[in-house]
């Protein structure tokens, strides 16, 4: 990743795109490299521009943010941060399944949005843990038609299960380290092993696994 974090803004409302651009470009170390008015355009620009982050609205014409996220994550390492309102919670869970790194509410304070971009660009996972837990707890209770059976945890050690449980509860690496009396480096190692063993793309996928396997009730 370059020294400056590059951002692609995808939203069908021109006013919101302009607002996000203005906010991001006032922040040191951040730059907007493009704007997309629909999901298809977001996919095209993500593939050609390869930004570090896509701020992705959910409901857009031509192609929604979920399908756009799925396509972007299928063939690039671009990280996607979903923008949503509470009435779109169901779409957020689908977006996490599609490979989104996390999400923000559209009424997030500007300073928190900028901080979130830095966090996701650095490789951390879900944001706003308390809201994340509420969303996933709600939709993990609702079996989806054709939903695959929960993944097994064969080969995952007891300590790794403890770490996975805390990841599922929305704790950061630092919070997990404090909770388990481990070093931050050790926690990062455990998270890396879990990603490999569970064939998860990122931290958001680990959260889903934690719920699907019953580690987080």
C-alpha atoms as a PDB file:
ATOM      1  CA  UNK A   1       0.000   0.000   0.000  1.00  0.00           C
ATOM      2  CA  UNK A   2       1.265   3.440  -0.851  1.00  0.00           C
ATOM      3  CA  UNK A   3       2.094   6.032   1.774  1.00  0.00           C
ATOM      4  CA  UNK A   4      -1.148   7.855   0.986  1.00  0.00           C
ATOM      5  CA  UNK A   5      -4.278   5.758   1.420  1.00  0.00           C
ATOM      6  CA  UNK A   6      -6.294   5.893  -1.798  1.00  0.00           C
ATOM      7  CA  UNK A   7     -10.082   5.813  -1.609  1.00  0.00           C
ATOM      8  CA  UNK A   8     -12.799   5.181  -4.186  1.00  0.00           C
ATOM      9  CA  UNK A   9     -16.214   6.567  -3.232  1.00  0.00           C
ATOM     10  CA  UNK A  10     -19.253   4.641  -4.536  1.00  0.00           C
ATOM     11  CA  UNK A  11     -22.673   6.155  -3.919  1.00  0.00           C
ATOM     12  CA  UNK A  12     -25.553   6.954  -6.249  1.00  0.00           C
ATOM     13  CA  UNK A  13     -26.152  10.336  -4.607  1.00  0.00           C
ATOM     14  CA  UNK A  14     -23.852  12.977  -6.052  1.00  0.00           C
ATOM     15  CA  UNK A  15     -24.207  15.162  -2.974  1.00  0.00           C
ATOM     16  CA  UNK A  16     -22.998  12.386  -0.679  1.00  0.00           C
ATOM     17  CA  UNK A  17     -20.110  11.505  -2.983  1.00  0.00           C
ATOM     18  CA  UNK A  18     -19.037  15.137  -2.973  1.00  0.00           C
ATOM     19  CA  UNK A  19     -19.333  15.320   0.807  1.00  0.00           C
ATOM     20  CA  UNK A  20     -17.226  12.215   1.313  1.00  0.00           C
ATOM     21  CA  UNK A  21     -14.627  13.452  -1.167  1.00  0.00           C
ATOM     22  CA  UNK A  22     -14.383  16.835   0.540  1.00  0.00           C
ATOM     23  CA  UNK A  23     -14.012  15.208   3.953  1.00  0.00           C
ATOM     24  CA  UNK A  24     -11.425  12.638   2.886  1.00  0.00           C
ATOM     25  CA  UNK A  25      -9.278  15.079   0.964  1.00  0.00           C
ATOM     26  CA  UNK A  26      -8.980  17.366   4.003  1.00  0.00           C
ATOM     27  CA  UNK A  27      -7.334  14.548   5.964  1.00  0.00           C
ATOM     28  CA  UNK A  28      -3.552  14.016   5.874  1.00  0.00           C
ATOM     29  CA  UNK A  29      -2.558  10.740   4.268  1.00  0.00           C
ATOM     30  CA  UNK A  30      -5.852  10.169   2.456  1.00  0.00           C
ATOM     31  CA  UNK A  31      -6.820  10.849  -1.154  1.00  0.00           C
ATOM     32  CA  UNK A  32      -9.856  10.171  -3.348  1.00  0.00           C
ATOM     33  CA  UNK A  33      -8.878   8.575  -6.641  1.00  0.00           C
ATOM     34  CA  UNK A  34     -12.337   8.229  -8.130  1.00  0.00           C
ATOM     35  CA  UNK A  35     -16.113   8.281  -7.732  1.00  0.00           C
ATOM     36  CA  UNK A  36     -18.695   5.730  -8.854  1.00  0.00           C
ATOM     37  CA  UNK A  37     -22.442   6.329  -9.194  1.00  0.00           C
ATOM     38  CA  UNK A  38     -23.433   2.654  -9.277  1.00  0.00           C
ATOM     39  CA  UNK A  39     -22.088  -0.772  -8.401  1.00  0.00           C
ATOM     40  CA  UNK A  40     -20.977  -1.683 -11.906  1.00  0.00           C
ATOM     41  CA  UNK A  41     -18.929   1.484 -12.171  1.00  0.00           C
ATOM     42  CA  UNK A  42     -17.459   0.777  -8.733  1.00  0.00           C
ATOM     43  CA  UNK A  43     -16.269  -2.645  -9.894  1.00  0.00           C
ATOM     44  CA  UNK A  44     -14.755  -1.215 -13.064  1.00  0.00           C
ATOM     45  CA  UNK A  45     -12.932   1.574 -11.238  1.00  0.00           C
ATOM     46  CA  UNK A  46     -11.764  -0.702  -8.427  1.00  0.00           C
ATOM     47  CA  UNK A  47     -10.195  -3.030 -10.983  1.00  0.00           C
ATOM     48  CA  UNK A  48      -8.543  -0.258 -12.984  1.00  0.00           C
ATOM     49  CA  UNK A  49      -7.506   2.138 -10.209  1.00  0.00           C
ATOM     50  CA  UNK A  50      -6.769  -0.426  -7.468  1.00  0.00           C
ATOM     51  CA  UNK A  51      -7.528   1.906  -4.552  1.00  0.00           C
ATOM     52  CA  UNK A  52      -6.720   0.782  -1.029  1.00  0.00           C
ATOM     53  CA  UNK A  53     -10.328   1.245   0.111  1.00  0.00           C
ATOM     54  CA  UNK A  54     -13.761   1.458  -1.493  1.00  0.00           C
ATOM     55  CA  UNK A  55     -16.439   3.305   0.479  1.00  0.00           C
ATOM     56  CA  UNK A  56     -19.428   1.366  -0.853  1.00  0.00           C
ATOM     57  CA  UNK A  57     -23.087   2.278  -0.599  1.00  0.00           C
ATOM     58  CA  UNK A  58     -25.450  -0.693  -0.495  1.00  0.00           C
ATOM     59  CA  UNK A  59     -28.430   0.323  -2.592  1.00  0.00           C
ATOM     60  CA  UNK A  60     -27.331   1.601  -5.982  1.00  0.00           C
ATOM     61  CA  UNK A  61     -28.690   1.271  -9.525  1.00  0.00           C
ATOM     62  CA  UNK A  62     -27.354  -1.129 -12.179  1.00  0.00           C
ATOM     63  CA  UNK A  63     -25.584  -3.270  -9.554  1.00  0.00           C
ATOM     64  CA  UNK A  64     -26.021  -3.119  -5.778  1.00  0.00           C
ATOM     65  CA  UNK A  65     -23.147  -2.758  -3.348  1.00  0.00           C
ATOM     66  CA  UNK A  66     -23.275  -6.403  -2.293  1.00  0.00           C
ATOM     67  CA  UNK A  67     -22.714  -7.813  -5.760  1.00  0.00           C
ATOM     68  CA  UNK A  68     -20.119  -5.111  -6.432  1.00  0.00           C
ATOM     69  CA  UNK A  69     -18.287  -6.093  -3.248  1.00  0.00           C
ATOM     70  CA  UNK A  70     -18.363  -9.756  -4.220  1.00  0.00           C
ATOM     71  CA  UNK A  71     -16.886  -9.043  -7.645  1.00  0.00           C
ATOM     72  CA  UNK A  72     -14.219  -6.670  -6.329  1.00  0.00           C
ATOM     73  CA  UNK A  73     -13.095  -9.135  -3.674  1.00  0.00           C
ATOM     74  CA  UNK A  74     -13.103 -12.034  -6.145  1.00  0.00           C
ATOM     75  CA  UNK A  75     -10.173 -10.729  -8.164  1.00  0.00           C
ATOM     76  CA  UNK A  76      -8.503  -7.869  -6.270  1.00  0.00           C
ATOM     77  CA  UNK A  77      -7.084  -7.171  -2.824  1.00  0.00           C
ATOM     78  CA  UNK A  78      -9.060  -3.920  -2.575  1.00  0.00           C
ATOM     79  CA  UNK A  79     -10.778  -3.653   0.803  1.00  0.00           C
ATOM     80  CA  UNK A  80     -14.430  -2.629   0.897  1.00  0.00           C
ATOM     81  CA  UNK A  81     -16.037  -0.585   3.638  1.00  0.00           C
ATOM     82  CA  UNK A  82     -19.828  -0.644   3.459  1.00  0.00           C
ATOM     83  CA  UNK A  83     -21.886   2.499   4.078  1.00  0.00           C
ATOM     84  CA  UNK A  84     -25.395   1.873   5.363  1.00  0.00           C
ATOM     85  CA  UNK A  85     -28.377   3.050   7.368  1.00  0.00           C
ATOM     86  CA  UNK A  86     -30.040   0.952  10.068  1.00  0.00           C
ATOM     87  CA  UNK A  87     -32.886   0.054   7.727  1.00  0.00           C
ATOM     88  CA  UNK A  88     -30.361  -1.739   5.508  1.00  0.00           C
ATOM     89  CA  UNK A  89     -29.002  -4.055   8.196  1.00  0.00           C
ATOM     90  CA  UNK A  90     -29.890  -7.242   6.288  1.00  0.00           C
ATOM     91  CA  UNK A  91     -27.801  -6.044   3.382  1.00  0.00           C
ATOM     92  CA  UNK A  92     -24.862  -5.412   5.677  1.00  0.00           C
ATOM     93  CA  UNK A  93     -24.740  -9.043   6.758  1.00  0.00           C
ATOM     94  CA  UNK A  94     -24.885 -10.154   3.127  1.00  0.00           C
ATOM     95  CA  UNK A  95     -22.075  -7.736   2.318  1.00  0.00           C
ATOM     96  CA  UNK A  96     -19.892  -9.218   5.057  1.00  0.00           C
ATOM     97  CA  UNK A  97     -20.467 -12.626   3.517  1.00  0.00           C
ATOM     98  CA  UNK A  98     -19.444 -11.150   0.168  1.00  0.00           C
ATOM     99  CA  UNK A  99     -16.082 -10.140   1.629  1.00  0.00           C
ATOM    100  CA  UNK A 100     -16.549  -6.606   2.951  1.00  0.00           C
ATOM    101  CA  UNK A 101     -13.966  -5.621   5.555  1.00  0.00           C
ATOM    102  CA  UNK A 102     -16.587  -3.881   7.669  1.00  0.00           C
ATOM    103  CA  UNK A 103     -19.165  -1.167   7.637  1.00  0.00           C
ATOM    104  CA  UNK A 104     -20.042   2.321   8.755  1.00  0.00           C
ATOM    105  CA  UNK A 105     -23.357   3.979   9.363  1.00  0.00           C
ATOM    106  CA  UNK A 106     -23.929   6.984   7.134  1.00  0.00           C
ATOM    107  CA  UNK A 107     -24.413   9.203  10.171  1.00  0.00           C
ATOM    108  CA  UNK A 108     -20.971   8.288  11.543  1.00  0.00           C
ATOM    109  CA  UNK A 109     -19.161  11.410  12.793  1.00  0.00           C
ATOM    110  CA  UNK A 110     -16.560  12.644  10.278  1.00  0.00           C
ATOM    111  CA  UNK A 111     -13.603  11.975  12.564  1.00  0.00           C
ATOM    112  CA  UNK A 112     -14.760   8.391  13.094  1.00  0.00           C
ATOM    113  CA  UNK A 113     -15.141   7.832   9.360  1.00  0.00           C
ATOM    114  CA  UNK A 114     -11.582   9.001   8.724  1.00  0.00           C
ATOM    115  CA  UNK A 115     -10.283   6.832  11.542  1.00  0.00           C
ATOM    116  CA  UNK A 116     -12.198   3.875  10.124  1.00  0.00           C
ATOM    117  CA  UNK A 117     -10.539   4.245   6.739  1.00  0.00           C
ATOM    118  CA  UNK A 118      -7.119   4.108   8.405  1.00  0.00           C
ATOM    119  CA  UNK A 119      -8.084   1.062  10.486  1.00  0.00           C
ATOM    120  CA  UNK A 120      -9.393  -0.934   7.532  1.00  0.00           C
ATOM    121  CA  UNK A 121      -6.463   0.069   5.324  1.00  0.00           C
ATOM    122  CA  UNK A 122      -4.131  -1.246   8.022  1.00  0.00           C
ATOM    123  CA  UNK A 123      -5.777  -4.658   7.773  1.00  0.00           C
ATOM    124  CA  UNK A 124      -8.005  -4.567  10.813  1.00  0.00           C
ATOM    125  CA  UNK A 125     -11.495  -5.934  10.488  1.00  0.00           C
ATOM    126  CA  UNK A 126     -14.937  -4.918  11.543  1.00  0.00           C
ATOM    127  CA  UNK A 127     -15.668  -1.479  12.882  1.00  0.00           C
ATOM    128  CA  UNK A 128     -18.077  -0.258  15.539  1.00  0.00           C
ATOM    129  CA  UNK A 129     -17.966  -3.605  17.403  1.00  0.00           C
ATOM    130  CA  UNK A 130     -21.119  -3.043  19.461  1.00  0.00           C
ATOM    131  CA  UNK A 131     -23.182  -2.338  16.359  1.00  0.00           C
ATOM    132  CA  UNK A 132     -21.472  -5.177  14.511  1.00  0.00           C
ATOM    133  CA  UNK A 133     -22.415  -7.637  17.237  1.00  0.00           C
ATOM    134  CA  UNK A 134     -26.021  -6.462  17.189  1.00  0.00           C
ATOM    135  CA  UNK A 135     -26.244  -6.906  13.432  1.00  0.00           C
ATOM    136  CA  UNK A 136     -24.652 -10.320  13.280  1.00  0.00           C
ATOM    137  CA  UNK A 137     -26.508 -11.665  16.303  1.00  0.00           C
ATOM    138  CA  UNK A 138     -29.765 -10.670  14.651  1.00  0.00           C
ATOM    139  CA  UNK A 139     -29.085 -12.171  11.249  1.00  0.00           C
ATOM    140  CA  UNK A 140     -27.272 -15.245  12.504  1.00  0.00           C
ATOM    141  CA  UNK A 141     -30.644 -16.187  14.050  1.00  0.00           C
ATOM    142  CA  UNK A 142     -32.330 -16.091  10.677  1.00  0.00           C
ATOM    143  CA  UNK A 143     -31.423 -19.087   8.505  1.00  0.00           C
ATOM    144  CA  UNK A 144     -31.199 -18.048   4.886  1.00  0.00           C
ATOM    145  CA  UNK A 145     -32.670 -20.215   2.125  1.00  0.00           C
ATOM    146  CA  UNK A 146     -29.926 -22.489   0.860  1.00  0.00           C
ATOM    147  CA  UNK A 147     -27.551 -21.313   3.589  1.00  0.00           C
ATOM    148  CA  UNK A 148     -24.597 -23.719   3.846  1.00  0.00           C
ATOM    149  CA  UNK A 149     -24.065 -25.777   6.971  1.00  0.00           C
ATOM    150  CA  UNK A 150     -21.762 -24.234   9.594  1.00  0.00           C
ATOM    151  CA  UNK A 151     -18.073 -24.796   9.028  1.00  0.00           C
ATOM    152  CA  UNK A 152     -16.324 -27.324  11.226  1.00  0.00           C
ATOM    153  CA  UNK A 153     -13.456 -26.329  13.471  1.00  0.00           C
ATOM    154  CA  UNK A 154     -11.303 -29.390  12.883  1.00  0.00           C
ATOM    155  CA  UNK A 155      -7.664 -28.592  13.481  1.00  0.00           C
ATOM    156  CA  UNK A 156      -8.389 -25.450  15.501  1.00  0.00           C
ATOM    157  CA  UNK A 157      -6.709 -25.562  18.911  1.00  0.00           C
ATOM    158  CA  UNK A 158      -8.420 -24.670  22.160  1.00  0.00           C
ATOM    159  CA  UNK A 159      -6.520 -21.390  22.418  1.00  0.00           C
ATOM    160  CA  UNK A 160      -7.400 -20.555  18.819  1.00  0.00           C
ATOM    161  CA  UNK A 161     -11.061 -21.200  19.650  1.00  0.00           C
ATOM    162  CA  UNK A 162     -10.773 -18.732  22.513  1.00  0.00           C
ATOM    163  CA  UNK A 163      -9.326 -16.125  20.165  1.00  0.00           C
ATOM    164  CA  UNK A 164     -11.970 -16.837  17.516  1.00  0.00           C
ATOM    165  CA  UNK A 165     -14.720 -16.431  20.108  1.00  0.00           C
ATOM    166  CA  UNK A 166     -13.406 -13.016  21.116  1.00  0.00           C
ATOM    167  CA  UNK A 167     -13.015 -11.978  17.471  1.00  0.00           C
ATOM    168  CA  UNK A 168     -16.646 -12.980  17.011  1.00  0.00           C
ATOM    169  CA  UNK A 169     -17.644 -10.773  19.913  1.00  0.00           C
ATOM    170  CA  UNK A 170     -16.106  -7.788  18.152  1.00  0.00           C
ATOM    171  CA  UNK A 171     -12.935  -7.375  20.237  1.00  0.00           C
ATOM    172  CA  UNK A 172      -9.856  -5.824  18.655  1.00  0.00           C
ATOM    173  CA  UNK A 173      -6.472  -7.559  18.768  1.00  0.00           C
ATOM    174  CA  UNK A 174      -5.426  -5.292  21.612  1.00  0.00           C
ATOM    175  CA  UNK A 175      -8.543  -6.128  23.627  1.00  0.00           C
ATOM    176  CA  UNK A 176      -8.045  -9.847  22.998  1.00  0.00           C
ATOM    177  CA  UNK A 177      -4.427  -9.595  24.143  1.00  0.00           C
ATOM    178  CA  UNK A 178      -5.510  -7.924  27.368  1.00  0.00           C
ATOM    179  CA  UNK A 179      -8.377 -10.380  27.947  1.00  0.00           C
ATOM    180  CA  UNK A 180      -6.194 -13.472  27.484  1.00  0.00           C
ATOM    181  CA  UNK A 181      -3.006 -11.974  28.971  1.00  0.00           C
ATOM    182  CA  UNK A 182      -1.138 -12.439  25.697  1.00  0.00           C
ATOM    183  CA  UNK A 183       1.146 -10.152  23.721  1.00  0.00           C
ATOM    184  CA  UNK A 184      -0.296  -8.299  20.735  1.00  0.00           C
ATOM    185  CA  UNK A 185       2.124 -10.144  18.435  1.00  0.00           C
ATOM    186  CA  UNK A 186       0.886 -13.500  19.751  1.00  0.00           C
ATOM    187  CA  UNK A 187      -2.728 -12.551  19.129  1.00  0.00           C
ATOM    188  CA  UNK A 188      -1.885 -11.484  15.578  1.00  0.00           C
ATOM    189  CA  UNK A 189      -0.229 -14.872  15.062  1.00  0.00           C
ATOM    190  CA  UNK A 190      -3.333 -16.688  16.285  1.00  0.00           C
ATOM    191  CA  UNK A 191      -5.585 -14.604  14.034  1.00  0.00           C
ATOM    192  CA  UNK A 192      -3.335 -15.360  11.074  1.00  0.00           C
ATOM    193  CA  UNK A 193      -3.521 -19.086  11.811  1.00  0.00           C
ATOM    194  CA  UNK A 194      -7.308 -18.921  12.046  1.00  0.00           C
ATOM    195  CA  UNK A 195      -7.540 -17.159   8.700  1.00  0.00           C
ATOM    196  CA  UNK A 196      -5.458 -19.915   7.115  1.00  0.00           C
ATOM    197  CA  UNK A 197      -7.151 -22.871   8.820  1.00  0.00           C
ATOM    198  CA  UNK A 198     -10.679 -21.635   8.203  1.00  0.00           C
ATOM    199  CA  UNK A 199      -9.975 -20.387   4.669  1.00  0.00           C
ATOM    200  CA  UNK A 200     -11.308 -16.976   5.675  1.00  0.00           C
ATOM    201  CA  UNK A 201     -10.522 -13.921   3.573  1.00  0.00           C
ATOM    202  CA  UNK A 202     -10.393 -11.486   6.457  1.00  0.00           C
ATOM    203  CA  UNK A 203     -11.492 -10.753   9.990  1.00  0.00           C
ATOM    204  CA  UNK A 204     -15.129 -10.214   9.052  1.00  0.00           C
ATOM    205  CA  UNK A 205     -15.251 -13.780   7.752  1.00  0.00           C
ATOM    206  CA  UNK A 206     -13.896 -15.018  11.091  1.00  0.00           C
ATOM    207  CA  UNK A 207     -16.755 -13.251  12.871  1.00  0.00           C
ATOM    208  CA  UNK A 208     -19.267 -15.072  10.690  1.00  0.00           C
ATOM    209  CA  UNK A 209     -17.550 -18.416  11.350  1.00  0.00           C
ATOM    210  CA  UNK A 210     -17.692 -17.764  15.095  1.00  0.00           C
ATOM    211  CA  UNK A 211     -21.453 -17.366  14.883  1.00  0.00           C
ATOM    212  CA  UNK A 212     -22.079 -20.172  12.410  1.00  0.00           C
ATOM    213  CA  UNK A 213     -20.163 -22.688  14.519  1.00  0.00           C
ATOM    214  CA  UNK A 214     -21.869 -21.657  17.751  1.00  0.00           C
ATOM    215  CA  UNK A 215     -18.789 -20.267  19.498  1.00  0.00           C
ATOM    216  CA  UNK A 216     -20.723 -17.044  19.938  1.00  0.00           C
ATOM    217  CA  UNK A 217     -24.339 -17.905  20.826  1.00  0.00           C
END
